[in-house]
Protein backbone atom coordinates (compact mmCIF):
# COMPACT_ATOMS: atom_id res chain seq x y z
CA MET A 1 47.59 5.79 42.21
CA ARG A 2 48.73 4.84 45.58
CA LEU A 3 46.25 4.17 48.09
CA ARG A 4 46.06 3.51 51.84
CA VAL A 5 46.13 -0.39 52.61
CA SER A 6 42.76 -0.03 54.39
CA LEU A 7 41.22 2.01 51.51
CA ARG A 8 42.52 -0.57 48.85
CA LYS A 9 40.97 -3.29 50.74
CA LYS A 10 37.61 -1.82 50.93
CA ILE A 11 37.63 -1.13 47.29
CA GLU A 12 38.75 -4.74 46.58
CA GLU A 13 35.81 -6.04 48.90
CA LEU A 14 33.44 -3.81 46.83
CA ALA A 15 34.89 -4.99 43.49
CA ALA A 16 34.48 -8.68 44.63
CA ARG A 17 30.81 -8.26 45.92
CA SER A 18 29.97 -6.73 42.49
CA ARG A 19 32.03 -8.84 40.42
CA ARG A 20 33.74 -6.08 38.80
CA SER A 21 37.30 -4.84 38.49
CA ILE A 22 38.99 -2.81 41.08
CA ALA A 23 39.60 0.02 38.54
CA GLU A 24 36.07 0.09 37.59
CA VAL A 25 34.75 0.30 41.19
CA ALA A 26 37.44 3.12 41.87
CA GLN A 27 36.25 5.10 38.91
CA GLU A 28 32.54 4.91 39.98
CA LEU A 29 33.44 5.93 43.53
CA LEU A 30 35.42 8.74 42.41
CA GLU A 31 32.90 10.03 39.79
CA GLU A 32 30.17 9.82 42.47
CA ALA A 33 32.35 11.74 45.13
CA LEU A 34 32.98 14.50 42.52
CA ARG A 35 29.28 14.90 41.55
CA MET A 36 28.27 15.02 45.37
CA ARG A 37 30.78 17.65 45.91
CA GLU A 38 29.47 19.68 42.86
CA CYS A 39 25.89 19.27 43.97
CA PRO A 40 25.50 19.31 47.81
CA GLY A 41 22.52 17.51 48.85
CA ILE A 42 22.86 14.59 46.33
CA TYR A 43 23.86 11.13 47.27
CA PHE A 44 23.89 7.78 45.27
CA ALA A 45 22.20 4.48 45.88
CA ASP A 46 21.68 1.08 44.27
CA GLU A 47 18.30 0.75 42.50
CA PRO A 48 17.06 -2.15 40.45
CA SER A 49 18.09 0.01 37.29
CA GLY A 50 21.66 0.76 38.72
CA ARG A 51 23.18 3.54 40.66
CA THR A 52 21.05 6.53 40.85
CA ALA A 53 21.37 9.99 42.25
CA LYS A 54 19.07 10.67 45.11
CA ILE A 55 18.07 13.65 47.03
CA GLY A 56 19.26 13.69 50.50
CA GLY A 57 16.82 13.20 53.36
CA THR A 58 14.12 12.00 51.02
CA GLY A 59 14.87 8.62 49.32
CA LEU A 60 13.62 10.14 46.16
CA ALA A 61 15.56 10.05 42.84
CA VAL A 62 16.36 13.25 41.19
CA TRP A 63 14.64 11.92 38.04
CA GLU A 64 11.44 11.16 40.08
CA VAL A 65 11.14 14.51 41.32
CA LEU A 66 12.20 16.25 37.93
CA ARG A 67 10.09 13.86 35.71
CA ASP A 68 7.53 16.60 34.89
CA PHE A 69 9.83 19.45 35.31
CA ALA A 70 12.06 18.35 32.65
CA GLU A 71 9.41 19.06 30.10
CA ASP A 72 8.84 22.64 30.72
CA GLU A 73 11.35 23.63 33.48
CA HIS A 74 8.71 25.56 35.45
CA PRO A 75 10.11 25.84 39.09
CA ASP A 76 6.83 26.95 40.59
CA ARG A 77 5.16 23.69 39.52
CA LEU A 78 8.06 21.80 40.88
CA ARG A 79 7.43 23.53 44.41
CA SER A 80 3.72 22.87 44.40
CA ALA A 81 4.10 19.22 43.21
CA PHE A 82 6.58 18.58 46.24
CA PRO A 83 5.62 20.74 49.12
CA GLN A 84 7.30 18.34 51.51
CA LEU A 85 10.77 19.05 50.09
CA SER A 86 12.84 22.00 51.40
CA GLN A 87 14.17 24.74 49.10
CA ALA A 88 17.70 23.23 49.80
CA GLN A 89 16.56 19.85 48.66
CA LEU A 90 14.79 21.30 45.33
CA THR A 91 18.01 23.37 44.71
CA ALA A 92 19.89 20.17 44.99
CA ALA A 93 17.85 18.42 42.58
CA LEU A 94 17.86 21.25 40.12
CA MET A 95 21.38 21.77 40.22
CA TYR A 96 22.22 18.13 39.57
CA TYR A 97 19.69 18.16 36.60
CA ARG A 98 21.57 21.29 35.10
CA ARG A 99 24.83 19.60 35.28
CA TYR A 100 23.61 16.10 34.08
CA PRO A 101 20.40 16.64 32.06
CA GLU A 102 20.99 13.75 29.68
CA GLU A 103 21.43 11.27 32.62
CA ILE A 104 18.05 12.51 34.11
CA ARG A 105 16.33 12.43 30.64
CA ARG A 106 17.48 8.81 30.09
CA GLN A 107 16.13 7.82 33.44
CA ILE A 108 12.74 9.47 32.72
CA GLU A 109 12.60 7.92 29.31
CA ALA A 110 13.39 4.38 30.76
CA ASN A 111 10.77 4.78 33.44
CA ALA A 112 8.15 5.98 30.79
CA ALA A 113 8.88 2.84 28.78
CA LEU A 114 7.73 0.66 31.69
CA THR A 115 4.29 0.14 30.36
CA ALA A 116 1.92 -2.57 31.35
CA GLU A 117 2.36 -3.97 28.06
CA ALA A 118 6.23 -3.71 28.03
CA VAL A 119 6.28 -5.48 31.49
CA GLU A 120 3.96 -8.25 30.33
CA ARG A 121 6.09 -8.81 27.21
CA GLN A 122 9.43 -8.95 29.25
CA TYR A 123 8.05 -11.26 31.77
CA PRO A 124 5.27 -13.39 30.20
CA GLY A 125 3.19 -15.34 32.45
CA LEU A 126 4.76 -13.69 35.55
CA VAL A 127 2.92 -10.58 35.50
CA ARG A 128 -0.54 -9.88 34.18
CA PHE A 129 -2.43 -6.52 34.21
CA VAL A 130 -6.10 -6.39 33.94
CA ALA A 131 -8.22 -3.38 33.11
CA VAL A 132 -10.42 -2.17 36.06
CA GLU A 133 -13.88 -0.91 35.17
């Protein structure tokens, strides 16, 4: 694929910063661009767990909003749980979920696995949870 010199330089800079190949970075950018075009209102951001689909204007990840919805897919409950979100924002999240359900389910499961015990095991001595009576 031929790219403008300025575009190639920007991709090279991103690749160098993330210590990845130019091809890997270009593929990620193209995939995210296609997903954003398919699901208007969705953007991608870096999170500690990696790149995450987010709902425009909120800072919320799609999986965060759809965490409980994915269990029974009841839109009225979604609307009542997030009254601050516009209908367009909810539609964007639902559209993304319907196109990429496995991705959202994996993120929900990964978050559910972060129990206090799992964090203590992973970071012994760094984090300690205590029961509050």
